[in-house]
Protein backbone atom coordinates (compact mmCIF):
# COMPACT_ATOMS: atom_id res chain seq x y z
CA MET A 1 -8.61 -15.85 -12.05
CA LYS A 2 -6.84 -13.71 -14.69
CA HIS A 3 -7.61 -10.60 -12.65
CA LEU A 4 -6.14 -12.08 -9.49
CA ILE A 5 -2.96 -13.06 -11.33
CA PHE A 6 -2.78 -9.52 -12.77
CA ALA A 7 -3.15 -8.00 -9.26
CA ILE A 8 -0.43 -10.25 -7.90
CA ALA A 9 1.87 -9.35 -10.78
CA ILE A 10 1.33 -5.65 -10.05
CA PHE A 11 2.13 -6.25 -6.39
CA PHE A 12 5.44 -7.95 -7.22
CA ALA A 13 6.33 -5.16 -9.64
CA PHE A 14 5.82 -2.59 -6.91
CA SER A 15 7.56 -4.69 -4.29
CA THR A 16 10.88 -4.44 -6.15
CA ILE A 17 10.86 -0.69 -6.74
CA LEU A 18 13.65 0.31 -4.37
CA PRO A 19 15.90 -1.39 -1.85
CA ALA A 20 14.73 -0.54 1.68
CA GLY A 21 18.08 0.92 2.76
CA ALA A 22 18.14 3.52 -0.05
CA ILE A 23 14.63 4.80 0.60
CA PHE A 24 14.64 6.42 3.98
CA SER A 25 17.68 8.63 3.45
CA SER A 26 15.85 10.75 0.85
CA VAL A 27 12.63 11.28 2.82
CA PRO A 28 12.45 14.44 4.94
CA PRO A 29 11.08 13.90 8.46
CA ALA A 30 7.58 15.12 9.24
CA THR A 31 5.97 15.86 12.58
CA ALA A 32 2.76 13.85 12.18
CA PRO A 33 1.52 11.52 9.46
CA ARG A 34 -1.41 12.57 7.28
CA SER A 35 -4.39 10.18 7.04
CA PRO A 36 -5.84 10.31 3.51
CA THR A 37 -7.88 7.51 1.95
CA VAL A 38 -6.20 4.72 0.00
CA ARG A 39 -8.02 5.90 -3.13
CA ALA A 40 -6.73 9.47 -2.73
CA VAL A 41 -3.13 8.32 -2.44
CA ALA A 42 -3.44 5.83 -5.30
CA SER A 43 -5.03 8.52 -7.52
CA HIS A 44 -2.46 11.27 -6.84
CA PRO A 45 0.63 9.77 -5.16
CA ALA A 46 2.86 12.79 -5.85
CA GLN A 47 0.67 14.86 -3.52
CA TYR A 48 1.21 12.46 -0.60
CA LEU A 49 4.96 11.91 -0.49
CA GLY A 50 6.30 11.54 3.03
CA ARG A 51 4.81 10.14 6.22
CA LEU A 52 1.27 8.77 6.00
CA ALA A 53 -1.19 6.77 8.04
CA LEU A 54 -3.54 4.76 5.82
CA THR A 55 -6.47 2.56 6.84
CA GLY A 56 -7.74 -0.07 4.47
CA VAL A 57 -8.61 -3.72 3.92
CA VAL A 58 -5.94 -6.35 3.24
CA GLY A 59 -6.51 -7.86 -0.21
CA ILE A 60 -3.44 -9.94 -1.13
CA VAL A 61 -0.64 -11.01 1.23
CA THR A 62 2.90 -12.03 0.40
CA PRO A 63 4.53 -12.99 3.73
CA GLY A 64 7.90 -11.34 4.26
CA LYS A 65 7.35 -8.83 1.45
CA GLY A 66 4.06 -7.06 2.09
CA PHE A 67 0.46 -6.88 1.00
CA ILE A 68 -2.04 -5.01 -1.13
CA MET A 69 -4.26 -2.59 0.78
CA VAL A 70 -7.67 -1.84 -0.69
CA ASP A 71 -9.69 1.35 -0.12
CA MET A 72 -12.33 0.67 2.55
CA ARG A 73 -15.17 2.34 0.68
CA GLU A 74 -14.39 0.44 -2.50
CA TYR A 75 -14.18 -2.85 -0.58
CA ARG A 76 -17.62 -2.25 0.98
CA ARG A 77 -19.10 -1.59 -2.47
CA GLU A 78 -17.35 -4.23 -4.57
CA GLY A 79 -15.48 -6.62 -2.32
CA PHE A 80 -12.22 -7.70 -3.89
CA ALA A 81 -13.47 -7.11 -7.44
CA CYS A 82 -11.70 -3.75 -7.14
CA LEU A 83 -8.33 -5.58 -7.15
CA ALA A 84 -8.88 -6.56 -10.77
CA LYS A 85 -9.92 -3.13 -12.00
CA ASP A 86 -7.55 -0.65 -13.50
CA GLU A 87 -8.65 2.04 -11.03
CA PRO A 88 -6.80 3.69 -8.15
CA THR A 89 -8.40 1.64 -5.36
CA LYS A 90 -5.37 -0.21 -4.00
CA ILE A 91 -1.82 0.33 -2.82
CA PRO A 92 1.03 -2.15 -2.48
CA VAL A 93 2.58 -1.98 1.00
CA LYS A 94 6.14 -3.16 1.70
CA TRP A 95 6.14 -4.89 5.10
CA LYS A 96 8.53 -7.51 6.44
CA GLY A 97 6.80 -8.04 9.80
CA ALA A 98 4.05 -10.50 10.68
CA ALA A 99 1.63 -10.60 7.77
CA PRO A 100 -1.95 -9.46 8.36
CA LYS A 101 -4.76 -11.70 7.16
CA ILE A 102 -6.84 -11.16 4.05
CA LYS A 103 -10.04 -9.18 4.78
CA GLN A 104 -8.60 -7.61 7.94
CA THR A 105 -8.89 -3.87 8.32
CA VAL A 106 -5.49 -2.41 9.11
CA ARG A 107 -3.94 0.97 9.83
CA VAL A 108 -0.49 1.32 8.29
CA ASP A 109 1.91 4.00 9.39
CA GLY A 110 4.72 4.51 6.94
CA THR A 111 6.32 6.58 4.22
CA LEU A 112 5.36 7.07 0.58
CA VAL A 113 8.45 7.55 -1.56
CA LYS A 114 9.16 8.00 -5.24
CA GLY A 115 11.88 5.93 -6.83
CA ARG A 116 13.16 5.50 -10.35
CA LYS A 117 10.40 3.03 -11.21
CA GLY A 118 7.45 4.62 -9.43
CA TYR A 119 6.01 5.02 -5.93
CA ALA A 120 6.37 2.70 -2.95
CA PHE A 121 4.63 2.74 0.42
CA ILE A 122 7.02 1.48 3.08
CA ALA A 123 5.28 0.43 6.31
CA LYS A 124 6.87 1.11 9.69
CA LYS A 125 3.92 -0.15 11.73
CA VAL A 126 0.83 -2.21 10.90
CA THR A 127 -2.07 -2.26 13.37
CA ILE A 128 -5.13 -4.51 13.09
CA GLN A 129 -8.29 -2.41 13.54
């Protein structure tokens, strides 16, 4: 239970990184989104700034704010135990649309940006796989 509370606290910390209106003006447009793994982006976010398409498993949902996306390979190995670990296996996703369900595999098209308090992945489109 402590680990779940820790994961939720991390999500809320990331969900308040930057106001949505200030984010998109500083991101240069790209022609096509890259499709790295969730783990790769969580491990080295500075290398993945800009448009991305990520596929992962929904771990925690906060309707109207977003969700935590877990690396698919990690989820297959450990289930949601990876949410509680201090390893780069998850990414908070800002999303104000209809919330996906926990355990659903989703593709998220969006933009990874760096703000004053860290990195944020802002979703433009969420597709259930």
